[in-house]
Every structure is written in C-alpha cells, then in structure tokens.
N, C-alpha and C. Protein backbone atom coordinates (compact mmCIF):
# COMPACT_ATOMS: atom_id res chain seq x y z
N UNK A 1 8.96 9.11 33.54
CA UNK A 1 8.02 7.99 33.57
C UNK A 1 8.56 6.90 34.50
N UNK A 2 7.68 6.41 35.36
CA UNK A 2 8.09 5.39 36.32
C UNK A 2 8.43 4.09 35.62
N UNK A 3 9.55 3.51 36.02
CA UNK A 3 9.98 2.24 35.44
C UNK A 3 9.38 1.07 36.22
N UNK A 4 9.05 0.00 35.49
CA UNK A 4 8.54 -1.21 36.11
C UNK A 4 9.56 -2.32 35.92
N UNK A 5 9.38 -3.40 36.65
CA UNK A 5 10.34 -4.51 36.56
C UNK A 5 10.46 -5.04 35.15
N UNK A 6 9.34 -5.04 34.41
CA UNK A 6 9.37 -5.60 33.06
C UNK A 6 10.06 -4.69 32.04
N UNK A 7 10.37 -3.47 32.46
CA UNK A 7 11.11 -2.57 31.57
C UNK A 7 12.58 -2.95 31.48
N UNK A 8 13.00 -3.89 32.31
CA UNK A 8 14.41 -4.29 32.32
C UNK A 8 14.61 -5.71 31.79
N UNK A 9 13.61 -6.22 31.11
CA UNK A 9 13.73 -7.58 30.58
C UNK A 9 14.72 -7.67 29.43
N UNK A 10 15.15 -6.53 28.90
CA UNK A 10 16.19 -6.54 27.88
C UNK A 10 17.48 -7.16 28.43
N UNK A 11 17.67 -7.06 29.74
CA UNK A 11 18.85 -7.65 30.37
C UNK A 11 18.81 -9.16 30.24
N UNK A 12 17.61 -9.72 30.34
CA UNK A 12 17.45 -11.17 30.20
C UNK A 12 17.81 -11.62 28.79
N UNK A 13 17.35 -10.87 27.80
CA UNK A 13 17.66 -11.21 26.41
C UNK A 13 19.16 -11.14 26.14
N UNK A 14 19.80 -10.13 26.66
CA UNK A 14 21.25 -9.98 26.48
C UNK A 14 21.99 -11.09 27.22
N UNK A 15 21.55 -11.39 28.44
CA UNK A 15 22.19 -12.45 29.22
C UNK A 15 22.05 -13.80 28.53
N UNK A 16 20.90 -14.02 27.90
CA UNK A 16 20.67 -15.28 27.19
C UNK A 16 21.71 -15.49 26.10
N UNK A 17 21.95 -14.48 25.30
CA UNK A 17 22.93 -14.58 24.22
C UNK A 17 24.33 -14.81 24.75
N UNK A 18 24.66 -14.14 25.85
CA UNK A 18 26.00 -14.28 26.44
C UNK A 18 26.18 -15.67 27.05
N UNK A 19 25.19 -16.15 27.78
CA UNK A 19 25.28 -17.46 28.42
C UNK A 19 25.39 -18.57 27.37
N UNK A 20 24.63 -18.44 26.28
CA UNK A 20 24.69 -19.43 25.21
C UNK A 20 26.03 -19.46 24.50
N UNK A 21 26.74 -18.36 24.58
CA UNK A 21 28.08 -18.30 23.98
C UNK A 21 29.06 -19.16 24.78
N UNK A 22 28.87 -19.21 26.10
CA UNK A 22 29.78 -19.95 26.96
C UNK A 22 29.31 -21.37 27.26
N UNK A 23 28.00 -21.56 27.33
CA UNK A 23 27.45 -22.91 27.58
C UNK A 23 26.15 -23.04 26.80
N UNK A 24 26.18 -23.85 25.77
CA UNK A 24 25.07 -23.94 24.83
C UNK A 24 23.79 -24.45 25.48
N UNK A 25 23.90 -25.18 26.57
CA UNK A 25 22.71 -25.74 27.20
C UNK A 25 21.77 -24.66 27.76
N UNK A 26 22.30 -23.46 27.96
CA UNK A 26 21.44 -22.35 28.39
C UNK A 26 20.43 -21.99 27.30
N UNK A 27 20.66 -22.46 26.08
CA UNK A 27 19.75 -22.14 24.98
C UNK A 27 18.34 -22.66 25.24
N UNK A 28 18.22 -23.70 26.06
CA UNK A 28 16.91 -24.25 26.39
C UNK A 28 16.00 -23.21 27.05
N UNK A 29 16.60 -22.25 27.74
CA UNK A 29 15.81 -21.22 28.42
C UNK A 29 14.99 -20.42 27.41
N UNK A 30 15.49 -20.35 26.17
CA UNK A 30 14.80 -19.60 25.13
C UNK A 30 13.41 -20.10 24.81
N UNK A 31 13.10 -21.33 25.22
CA UNK A 31 11.75 -21.86 24.99
C UNK A 31 10.69 -21.01 25.69
N UNK A 32 11.10 -20.32 26.74
CA UNK A 32 10.16 -19.43 27.43
C UNK A 32 9.66 -18.34 26.50
N UNK A 33 10.54 -17.90 25.59
CA UNK A 33 10.16 -16.86 24.63
C UNK A 33 9.17 -17.38 23.59
N UNK A 34 9.01 -18.69 23.52
CA UNK A 34 8.03 -19.28 22.62
C UNK A 34 6.72 -19.54 23.33
N UNK A 35 6.80 -20.12 24.52
CA UNK A 35 5.59 -20.54 25.20
C UNK A 35 4.85 -19.40 25.90
N UNK A 36 5.57 -18.49 26.53
CA UNK A 36 4.92 -17.41 27.27
C UNK A 36 4.05 -16.53 26.37
N UNK A 37 4.55 -16.09 25.20
CA UNK A 37 3.67 -15.27 24.33
C UNK A 37 2.42 -16.02 23.91
N UNK A 38 2.56 -17.32 23.60
CA UNK A 38 1.40 -18.10 23.19
C UNK A 38 0.40 -18.26 24.33
N UNK A 39 0.91 -18.50 25.53
CA UNK A 39 0.03 -18.66 26.69
C UNK A 39 -0.74 -17.37 26.98
N UNK A 40 -0.04 -16.24 26.92
CA UNK A 40 -0.69 -14.95 27.18
C UNK A 40 -1.77 -14.66 26.13
N UNK A 41 -1.43 -14.90 24.86
CA UNK A 41 -2.41 -14.61 23.81
C UNK A 41 -3.60 -15.56 23.87
N UNK A 42 -3.35 -16.83 24.23
CA UNK A 42 -4.45 -17.79 24.35
C UNK A 42 -5.32 -17.49 25.56
N UNK A 43 -4.70 -17.09 26.67
CA UNK A 43 -5.45 -16.85 27.90
C UNK A 43 -6.17 -15.52 27.90
N UNK A 44 -5.51 -14.49 27.39
CA UNK A 44 -6.07 -13.14 27.49
C UNK A 44 -6.53 -12.56 26.15
N UNK A 45 -6.12 -13.20 25.05
CA UNK A 45 -6.52 -12.68 23.75
C UNK A 45 -5.87 -11.37 23.40
N UNK A 46 -4.67 -11.14 23.95
CA UNK A 46 -3.95 -9.90 23.68
C UNK A 46 -2.50 -10.20 23.31
N UNK A 47 -1.83 -9.16 22.79
CA UNK A 47 -0.40 -9.27 22.50
C UNK A 47 0.39 -8.64 23.65
N UNK A 48 -0.01 -8.99 24.85
CA UNK A 48 0.61 -8.42 26.03
C UNK A 48 2.10 -8.67 26.11
N UNK A 49 2.52 -9.85 25.67
CA UNK A 49 3.95 -10.16 25.71
C UNK A 49 4.73 -9.23 24.79
N UNK A 50 4.26 -9.09 23.56
CA UNK A 50 4.94 -8.22 22.59
C UNK A 50 4.99 -6.78 23.07
N UNK A 51 3.90 -6.31 23.62
CA UNK A 51 3.79 -4.90 23.99
C UNK A 51 4.48 -4.55 25.30
N UNK A 52 4.70 -5.55 26.16
CA UNK A 52 5.20 -5.23 27.49
C UNK A 52 6.41 -6.06 27.92
N UNK A 53 6.41 -7.37 27.61
CA UNK A 53 7.40 -8.24 28.22
C UNK A 53 8.52 -8.72 27.29
N UNK A 54 8.51 -8.34 26.05
CA UNK A 54 9.51 -8.84 25.12
C UNK A 54 10.85 -8.12 25.33
N UNK A 55 11.79 -8.85 25.92
CA UNK A 55 13.10 -8.28 26.19
C UNK A 55 13.88 -7.97 24.93
N UNK A 56 13.65 -8.75 23.89
CA UNK A 56 14.37 -8.51 22.64
C UNK A 56 13.93 -7.18 22.01
N UNK A 57 12.63 -6.94 21.99
CA UNK A 57 12.13 -5.67 21.48
C UNK A 57 12.67 -4.50 22.28
N UNK A 58 12.74 -4.68 23.61
CA UNK A 58 13.31 -3.64 24.47
C UNK A 58 14.78 -3.40 24.13
N UNK A 59 15.51 -4.48 23.88
CA UNK A 59 16.93 -4.37 23.57
C UNK A 59 17.14 -3.58 22.27
N UNK A 60 16.32 -3.88 21.26
CA UNK A 60 16.41 -3.14 20.00
C UNK A 60 16.05 -1.67 20.21
N UNK A 61 15.03 -1.44 21.03
CA UNK A 61 14.63 -0.07 21.31
C UNK A 61 15.72 0.71 22.03
N UNK A 62 16.42 0.02 22.92
CA UNK A 62 17.50 0.66 23.67
C UNK A 62 18.69 0.98 22.78
N UNK A 63 19.13 -0.03 22.02
CA UNK A 63 20.30 0.16 21.16
C UNK A 63 20.02 1.16 20.04
N UNK A 64 18.87 1.00 19.41
CA UNK A 64 18.55 1.87 18.28
C UNK A 64 18.05 3.23 18.68
N UNK A 65 17.35 3.30 19.81
CA UNK A 65 16.78 4.57 20.25
C UNK A 65 17.70 5.38 21.13
N UNK A 66 17.94 4.89 22.33
CA UNK A 66 18.76 5.65 23.28
C UNK A 66 20.19 5.82 22.80
N UNK A 67 20.76 4.78 22.20
CA UNK A 67 22.14 4.85 21.74
C UNK A 67 22.26 5.34 20.30
N UNK A 68 21.13 5.61 19.66
CA UNK A 68 21.12 6.24 18.35
C UNK A 68 21.71 5.43 17.22
N UNK A 69 21.63 4.10 17.29
CA UNK A 69 22.20 3.27 16.23
C UNK A 69 21.18 2.91 15.15
N UNK A 70 20.07 3.59 15.14
CA UNK A 70 19.03 3.35 14.15
C UNK A 70 18.87 4.57 13.25
N UNK A 71 18.60 4.32 11.96
CA UNK A 71 18.34 5.43 11.04
C UNK A 71 16.95 6.01 11.26
N UNK A 72 16.11 5.26 12.00
CA UNK A 72 14.76 5.71 12.34
C UNK A 72 13.91 6.00 11.10
N UNK A 73 14.10 5.21 10.08
CA UNK A 73 13.33 5.32 8.85
C UNK A 73 12.13 4.39 8.93
N UNK A 74 11.07 4.75 8.22
CA UNK A 74 9.90 3.88 8.18
C UNK A 74 10.25 2.56 7.48
N UNK A 75 9.73 1.49 8.03
CA UNK A 75 9.96 0.18 7.43
C UNK A 75 9.18 0.10 6.11
N UNK A 76 9.74 -0.53 5.08
CA UNK A 76 9.05 -0.60 3.78
C UNK A 76 7.66 -1.24 3.91
N UNK A 77 6.75 -0.79 3.08
CA UNK A 77 5.37 -1.29 3.14
C UNK A 77 5.30 -2.79 2.91
N UNK A 78 6.17 -3.30 2.03
CA UNK A 78 6.11 -4.74 1.72
C UNK A 78 6.49 -5.59 2.93
N UNK A 79 7.31 -5.06 3.84
CA UNK A 79 7.66 -5.81 5.04
C UNK A 79 6.52 -5.85 6.04
N UNK A 80 5.56 -4.93 5.89
CA UNK A 80 4.38 -4.93 6.76
C UNK A 80 3.25 -5.76 6.18
N UNK A 81 3.38 -6.15 4.93
CA UNK A 81 2.28 -6.84 4.25
C UNK A 81 2.05 -8.23 4.82
N UNK A 82 0.83 -8.71 4.65
CA UNK A 82 0.47 -10.04 5.16
C UNK A 82 1.28 -11.13 4.47
N UNK A 83 1.46 -10.98 3.16
CA UNK A 83 2.17 -12.04 2.43
C UNK A 83 3.60 -12.20 2.92
N UNK A 84 4.24 -11.09 3.29
CA UNK A 84 5.62 -11.20 3.79
C UNK A 84 5.63 -11.76 5.20
N UNK A 85 4.77 -11.25 6.07
CA UNK A 85 4.76 -11.70 7.45
C UNK A 85 4.36 -13.17 7.56
N UNK A 86 3.33 -13.57 6.83
CA UNK A 86 2.90 -14.96 6.88
C UNK A 86 3.90 -15.86 6.16
N UNK A 87 4.48 -15.34 5.09
CA UNK A 87 5.50 -16.11 4.38
C UNK A 87 6.72 -16.34 5.24
N UNK A 88 7.12 -15.31 5.99
CA UNK A 88 8.27 -15.45 6.88
C UNK A 88 7.94 -16.42 8.02
N UNK A 89 6.70 -16.39 8.48
CA UNK A 89 6.28 -17.31 9.54
C UNK A 89 6.36 -18.75 9.05
N UNK A 90 5.88 -19.00 7.83
CA UNK A 90 5.94 -20.35 7.26
C UNK A 90 7.38 -20.80 7.10
N UNK A 91 8.22 -19.90 6.56
CA UNK A 91 9.63 -20.22 6.39
C UNK A 91 10.28 -20.52 7.73
N UNK A 92 9.95 -19.73 8.73
CA UNK A 92 10.48 -19.92 10.07
C UNK A 92 10.10 -21.30 10.60
N UNK A 93 8.84 -21.70 10.40
CA UNK A 93 8.40 -23.00 10.87
C UNK A 93 9.12 -24.13 10.14
N UNK A 94 9.33 -23.97 8.86
CA UNK A 94 10.04 -24.99 8.09
C UNK A 94 11.45 -25.18 8.65
N UNK A 95 12.14 -24.08 8.91
CA UNK A 95 13.49 -24.14 9.46
C UNK A 95 13.47 -24.70 10.88
N UNK A 96 12.43 -24.36 11.64
CA UNK A 96 12.33 -24.85 13.01
C UNK A 96 12.12 -26.36 13.03
N UNK A 97 11.24 -26.84 12.17
CA UNK A 97 11.00 -28.29 12.14
C UNK A 97 12.18 -29.05 11.55
N UNK A 98 12.93 -28.42 10.67
CA UNK A 98 14.16 -29.04 10.19
C UNK A 98 15.16 -29.20 11.34
N UNK A 99 15.20 -28.19 12.20
CA UNK A 99 16.06 -28.28 13.37
C UNK A 99 15.61 -29.40 14.29
N UNK A 100 14.30 -29.53 14.48
CA UNK A 100 13.78 -30.63 15.30
C UNK A 100 14.09 -31.98 14.68
N UNK A 101 14.02 -32.07 13.36
CA UNK A 101 14.33 -33.31 12.65
C UNK A 101 15.79 -33.71 12.89
N UNK A 102 16.69 -32.77 12.76
CA UNK A 102 18.12 -33.04 13.00
C UNK A 102 18.36 -33.46 14.44
N UNK A 103 17.62 -32.83 15.37
CA UNK A 103 17.73 -33.21 16.77
C UNK A 103 17.25 -34.64 16.97
N UNK A 104 16.14 -34.99 16.30
CA UNK A 104 15.62 -36.35 16.40
C UNK A 104 16.60 -37.39 15.88
N UNK A 105 17.33 -37.05 14.83
CA UNK A 105 18.32 -37.97 14.27
C UNK A 105 19.44 -38.24 15.28
N UNK A 106 19.82 -37.22 16.02
CA UNK A 106 20.86 -37.40 17.04
C UNK A 106 20.32 -38.24 18.19
N UNK A 107 19.07 -37.99 18.59
CA UNK A 107 18.46 -38.79 19.66
C UNK A 107 18.35 -40.25 19.24
N UNK A 108 18.12 -40.48 17.94
CA UNK A 108 17.99 -41.85 17.43
C UNK A 108 19.35 -42.48 17.12
N UNK A 109 20.41 -41.75 17.41
CA UNK A 109 21.78 -42.23 17.16
C UNK A 109 22.05 -42.49 15.68
N UNK A 110 21.32 -41.80 14.81
CA UNK A 110 21.54 -41.91 13.38
C UNK A 110 22.61 -40.91 12.94
N UNK A 111 22.68 -39.79 13.65
CA UNK A 111 23.64 -38.75 13.32
C UNK A 111 24.35 -38.33 14.60
N UNK A 112 25.62 -38.00 14.49
CA UNK A 112 26.37 -37.57 15.66
C UNK A 112 26.13 -36.09 15.94
N UNK A 113 26.44 -35.68 17.15
CA UNK A 113 26.25 -34.31 17.57
C UNK A 113 27.10 -33.36 16.73
N UNK A 114 26.47 -32.31 16.24
CA UNK A 114 27.18 -31.29 15.47
C UNK A 114 27.30 -30.04 16.33
N UNK A 115 28.50 -29.77 16.81
CA UNK A 115 28.73 -28.65 17.71
C UNK A 115 28.97 -27.38 16.90
N UNK A 116 27.90 -26.87 16.34
CA UNK A 116 27.98 -25.68 15.50
C UNK A 116 26.68 -24.91 15.61
N UNK A 117 26.77 -23.62 15.36
CA UNK A 117 25.61 -22.74 15.31
C UNK A 117 25.44 -22.28 13.88
N UNK A 118 24.23 -22.44 13.36
CA UNK A 118 23.96 -22.03 11.98
C UNK A 118 23.35 -20.64 11.98
N UNK A 119 24.07 -19.70 11.41
CA UNK A 119 23.62 -18.32 11.38
C UNK A 119 22.92 -18.03 10.07
N UNK A 120 21.76 -17.39 10.15
CA UNK A 120 20.94 -17.05 8.99
C UNK A 120 20.63 -18.29 8.15
N UNK A 121 20.50 -19.43 8.82
CA UNK A 121 20.13 -20.70 8.20
C UNK A 121 21.10 -21.12 7.10
N UNK A 122 22.28 -20.51 7.06
CA UNK A 122 23.22 -20.76 5.97
C UNK A 122 24.64 -21.00 6.44
N UNK A 123 25.12 -20.14 7.32
CA UNK A 123 26.53 -20.18 7.72
C UNK A 123 26.72 -20.99 8.99
N UNK A 124 27.49 -22.06 8.88
CA UNK A 124 27.75 -22.94 10.02
C UNK A 124 28.99 -22.45 10.77
N UNK A 125 28.80 -22.03 12.00
CA UNK A 125 29.89 -21.49 12.81
C UNK A 125 30.29 -22.50 13.88
N UNK A 126 31.55 -22.93 13.94
CA UNK A 126 31.99 -23.85 15.01
C UNK A 126 31.71 -23.24 16.38
N UNK A 127 31.15 -24.05 17.27
CA UNK A 127 30.74 -23.54 18.59
C UNK A 127 31.11 -24.57 19.67
N UNK A 128 32.17 -25.34 19.39
CA UNK A 128 32.50 -26.47 20.26
C UNK A 128 32.92 -26.07 21.67
N UNK A 129 33.40 -24.83 21.84
CA UNK A 129 33.82 -24.39 23.17
C UNK A 129 32.65 -24.25 24.14
N UNK A 130 31.43 -24.19 23.59
CA UNK A 130 30.25 -23.96 24.43
C UNK A 130 29.61 -25.25 24.92
N UNK A 131 30.18 -26.38 24.56
CA UNK A 131 29.61 -27.66 25.02
C UNK A 131 30.67 -28.39 25.83
N UNK A 132 30.35 -28.67 27.08
CA UNK A 132 31.33 -29.24 28.00
C UNK A 132 30.97 -30.66 28.42
N UNK A 133 30.07 -31.27 27.68
CA UNK A 133 29.64 -32.61 28.05
C UNK A 133 28.56 -32.55 29.11
N UNK A 134 27.78 -33.61 29.19
CA UNK A 134 26.66 -33.63 30.13
C UNK A 134 26.22 -35.06 30.34
N UNK A 135 25.48 -35.29 31.42
CA UNK A 135 24.95 -36.62 31.68
C UNK A 135 23.78 -36.94 30.77
N UNK A 136 23.28 -35.90 30.09
CA UNK A 136 22.14 -36.09 29.20
C UNK A 136 22.59 -36.61 27.84
N UNK A 137 21.64 -37.10 27.09
CA UNK A 137 21.89 -37.58 25.73
C UNK A 137 22.40 -36.43 24.86
N UNK A 138 23.30 -36.71 23.91
CA UNK A 138 23.78 -35.65 23.00
C UNK A 138 22.66 -34.92 22.26
N UNK A 139 21.50 -35.57 22.11
CA UNK A 139 20.37 -34.93 21.46
C UNK A 139 19.92 -33.68 22.20
N UNK A 140 20.09 -33.68 23.52
CA UNK A 140 19.75 -32.49 24.32
C UNK A 140 20.62 -31.32 23.90
N UNK A 141 21.90 -31.58 23.70
CA UNK A 141 22.82 -30.54 23.25
C UNK A 141 22.52 -30.14 21.81
N UNK A 142 22.14 -31.13 20.98
CA UNK A 142 21.85 -30.81 19.58
C UNK A 142 20.67 -29.84 19.47
N UNK A 143 19.65 -30.08 20.29
CA UNK A 143 18.52 -29.15 20.30
C UNK A 143 18.99 -27.76 20.72
N UNK A 144 19.87 -27.71 21.73
CA UNK A 144 20.36 -26.42 22.21
C UNK A 144 21.12 -25.68 21.12
N UNK A 145 21.97 -26.38 20.38
CA UNK A 145 22.70 -25.75 19.28
C UNK A 145 21.72 -25.22 18.22
N UNK A 146 20.73 -26.03 17.91
CA UNK A 146 19.75 -25.62 16.90
C UNK A 146 18.90 -24.46 17.35
N UNK A 147 18.47 -24.50 18.60
CA UNK A 147 17.60 -23.44 19.11
C UNK A 147 18.37 -22.13 19.26
N UNK A 148 19.60 -22.23 19.71
CA UNK A 148 20.42 -21.03 19.82
C UNK A 148 20.66 -20.42 18.44
N UNK A 149 20.77 -21.29 17.43
CA UNK A 149 20.91 -20.80 16.05
C UNK A 149 19.71 -19.97 15.65
N UNK A 150 18.52 -20.45 16.00
CA UNK A 150 17.28 -19.73 15.69
C UNK A 150 17.26 -18.38 16.41
N UNK A 151 17.59 -18.39 17.68
CA UNK A 151 17.55 -17.16 18.47
C UNK A 151 18.61 -16.16 18.01
N UNK A 152 19.80 -16.66 17.70
CA UNK A 152 20.87 -15.77 17.24
C UNK A 152 20.54 -15.18 15.87
N UNK A 153 20.00 -16.02 15.00
CA UNK A 153 19.63 -15.56 13.66
C UNK A 153 18.56 -14.48 13.73
N UNK A 154 17.53 -14.70 14.54
CA UNK A 154 16.47 -13.70 14.65
C UNK A 154 17.00 -12.41 15.27
N UNK A 155 17.96 -12.53 16.18
CA UNK A 155 18.57 -11.34 16.77
C UNK A 155 19.34 -10.54 15.73
N UNK A 156 20.10 -11.24 14.89
CA UNK A 156 20.86 -10.57 13.83
C UNK A 156 19.91 -9.88 12.85
N UNK A 157 18.84 -10.56 12.47
CA UNK A 157 17.86 -9.94 11.57
C UNK A 157 17.25 -8.71 12.22
N UNK A 158 16.95 -8.81 13.51
CA UNK A 158 16.39 -7.68 14.22
C UNK A 158 17.35 -6.50 14.30
N UNK A 159 18.63 -6.79 14.49
CA UNK A 159 19.63 -5.73 14.55
C UNK A 159 19.79 -5.04 13.20
N UNK A 160 19.77 -5.84 12.12
CA UNK A 160 19.90 -5.26 10.78
C UNK A 160 18.74 -4.33 10.48
N UNK A 161 17.51 -4.81 10.74
CA UNK A 161 16.35 -3.95 10.47
C UNK A 161 16.29 -2.77 11.44
N UNK A 162 16.84 -2.96 12.64
CA UNK A 162 16.91 -1.85 13.60
C UNK A 162 17.79 -0.74 13.06
N UNK A 163 18.94 -1.12 12.48
CA UNK A 163 19.87 -0.13 11.94
C UNK A 163 19.29 0.57 10.72
N UNK A 164 18.69 -0.22 9.83
CA UNK A 164 18.19 0.33 8.57
C UNK A 164 16.92 1.15 8.74
N UNK A 165 16.07 0.72 9.68
CA UNK A 165 14.77 1.36 9.84
C UNK A 165 14.59 1.81 11.29
N UNK A 166 13.38 1.76 11.80
CA UNK A 166 13.13 2.15 13.18
C UNK A 166 13.61 1.06 14.14
N UNK A 167 13.89 1.43 15.40
CA UNK A 167 14.50 0.48 16.34
C UNK A 167 13.79 -0.86 16.48
N UNK A 168 12.46 -0.84 16.55
CA UNK A 168 11.73 -2.09 16.77
C UNK A 168 11.05 -2.59 15.49
N UNK A 169 11.70 -2.41 14.37
CA UNK A 169 11.14 -2.87 13.10
C UNK A 169 10.98 -4.39 13.07
N UNK A 170 11.82 -5.10 13.82
CA UNK A 170 11.72 -6.56 13.88
C UNK A 170 10.33 -6.98 14.36
N UNK A 171 9.75 -6.19 15.25
CA UNK A 171 8.45 -6.54 15.83
C UNK A 171 7.36 -6.66 14.76
N UNK A 172 7.55 -5.99 13.63
CA UNK A 172 6.53 -6.01 12.58
C UNK A 172 6.42 -7.39 11.96
N UNK A 173 7.55 -8.10 11.78
CA UNK A 173 7.50 -9.40 11.10
C UNK A 173 8.01 -10.55 11.96
N UNK A 174 8.15 -10.30 13.26
CA UNK A 174 8.57 -11.36 14.18
C UNK A 174 7.58 -12.52 14.12
N UNK A 175 8.05 -13.75 13.93
CA UNK A 175 7.15 -14.90 13.83
C UNK A 175 6.25 -15.07 15.06
N UNK A 176 6.80 -14.84 16.24
CA UNK A 176 5.98 -14.97 17.44
C UNK A 176 4.91 -13.89 17.47
N UNK A 177 5.25 -12.69 17.05
CA UNK A 177 4.26 -11.62 17.00
C UNK A 177 3.16 -11.93 16.01
N UNK A 178 3.53 -12.51 14.88
CA UNK A 178 2.53 -12.88 13.88
C UNK A 178 1.62 -13.97 14.40
N UNK A 179 2.20 -14.96 15.08
CA UNK A 179 1.40 -16.06 15.64
C UNK A 179 0.44 -15.56 16.71
N UNK A 180 0.94 -14.73 17.61
CA UNK A 180 0.06 -14.23 18.67
C UNK A 180 -1.04 -13.34 18.10
N UNK A 181 -0.71 -12.60 17.04
CA UNK A 181 -1.73 -11.77 16.41
C UNK A 181 -2.83 -12.63 15.79
N UNK A 182 -2.44 -13.74 15.17
CA UNK A 182 -3.43 -14.66 14.60
C UNK A 182 -4.31 -15.25 15.68
N UNK A 183 -3.70 -15.59 16.81
CA UNK A 183 -4.47 -16.14 17.93
C UNK A 183 -5.46 -15.11 18.45
N UNK A 184 -4.98 -13.88 18.60
CA UNK A 184 -5.85 -12.80 19.10
C UNK A 184 -7.02 -12.55 18.16
N UNK A 185 -6.76 -12.57 16.87
CA UNK A 185 -7.82 -12.36 15.89
C UNK A 185 -8.83 -13.50 15.93
N UNK A 186 -8.34 -14.72 16.14
CA UNK A 186 -9.23 -15.87 16.21
C UNK A 186 -10.12 -15.81 17.45
N UNK A 187 -9.54 -15.34 18.57
CA UNK A 187 -10.30 -15.27 19.81
C UNK A 187 -11.28 -14.11 19.83
N UNK A 188 -10.89 -13.01 19.20
CA UNK A 188 -11.74 -11.82 19.20
C UNK A 188 -11.58 -11.10 17.87
N UNK A 189 -12.30 -11.52 16.84
CA UNK A 189 -12.15 -10.95 15.50
C UNK A 189 -12.28 -9.44 15.42
N UNK A 190 -13.09 -8.84 16.30
CA UNK A 190 -13.33 -7.40 16.24
C UNK A 190 -12.31 -6.60 17.03
N UNK A 191 -11.49 -7.33 17.81
CA UNK A 191 -10.52 -6.63 18.64
C UNK A 191 -9.36 -6.11 17.80
N UNK A 192 -8.86 -4.95 18.14
CA UNK A 192 -7.71 -4.37 17.42
C UNK A 192 -6.43 -5.03 17.88
N UNK A 193 -5.81 -5.80 17.00
CA UNK A 193 -4.57 -6.50 17.33
C UNK A 193 -3.48 -6.06 16.38
N UNK A 194 -3.38 -4.77 16.18
CA UNK A 194 -2.38 -4.23 15.24
C UNK A 194 -0.97 -4.57 15.67
N UNK A 195 -0.08 -4.53 14.70
CA UNK A 195 1.32 -4.80 14.98
C UNK A 195 1.90 -3.79 15.97
N UNK A 196 2.94 -4.21 16.64
CA UNK A 196 3.66 -3.33 17.54
C UNK A 196 4.13 -2.09 16.80
N UNK A 197 3.85 -0.90 17.32
CA UNK A 197 4.32 0.31 16.66
C UNK A 197 5.84 0.32 16.58
N UNK A 198 6.37 0.81 15.46
CA UNK A 198 7.81 0.90 15.29
C UNK A 198 8.19 2.35 14.99
C-alpha cells in the first residue's frame, strides 16, 4: 500500500514528547492537536483528523501492531459506552480548566511557577530541567507544564489500553474524538460518525 505524508505523523507525536522532556515550552505546540481536529470537524463535518492525521493513534498502532506490544483483545463494552466516553470527556474538561485556573494564578502573580509535570492528574513529577527561563511571563511556562501533563497523561493511558486491548483502543474514548464526533452528529445527524475502529 502506498504511503502518504500523513502516514508518518507518528514521528511528530513522538518528537513532541521528546522535545517537551528537554524544553517544556515546546508543549505549546500540542495546542495544534486540539484546534485542528475541531476545525476539520466544524468545516467538513467529518472525523478526518482521527481517521487520517492523528499521529498519536498512528504511534499506538505502530507500537502495538507492528512491534506486537498489544494483546489485541477487544476493548470492554463499558469503555465504548456513551456514559463512559462522555463522562471521561467531562472529567477531562474539569482537569483542563483546573490547569487553566492554576495558570491564571501564576499570570496574576498569586502563585509562583511550579516546575513539575502531573502524571495521571495525581503524581507530581519534578521537571525543572526542562525550563531554562524565558523573556515571557512565568505563566507561559506554567501553561506549558500543565499542558504537557495533559498530553503525557493521555499518552500513558493510551499506551496502557494499547497493551491490554487493541493497539488503537485509546481512540474509542479519546476526548478529542468524542468532541469531534459530537460536532459531526450536530452538523449531520444522519451521517455515520462511528468511533475509530480498533
């Protein structure tokens, strides 16, 4: 099968994680993974990003499929259910807005910069080597630490479900996938906007 340029976007996802390890300000690039899927779904009414351009899904497919690190088991029915997917989306938004709140406190000089990455919304990991100072306000770095925490956490969750189930099981309950699916359904109720096959 002929390869296209977008078949190699997994390299971008991997590079993002590596760059954020050495310089946290690269975490801002991750905003593209939020805005591009929404723009595509709003403009075209499709999940084109999920199905074609998602480097993270490609990375899971590569590690779990080609390298055989997945058990390739069906994902449990409850993880496919609406209550779980929408519940996870709500939880994700709560954590995201909490991150924005903490960033706002740093911008307001109410709280000092916390050079740490929070993994799985629970474990605070020192990450001070990745911040080298900048001409920008410390709030810019605080957002980067928070956003990288979100991206790293979702990657870890995706890797866990990749190992336990099929390679792209994360795609079933990915918050961005759920949001774009809701947008697609709103734009074209009769259109088939099923979850990404896993």
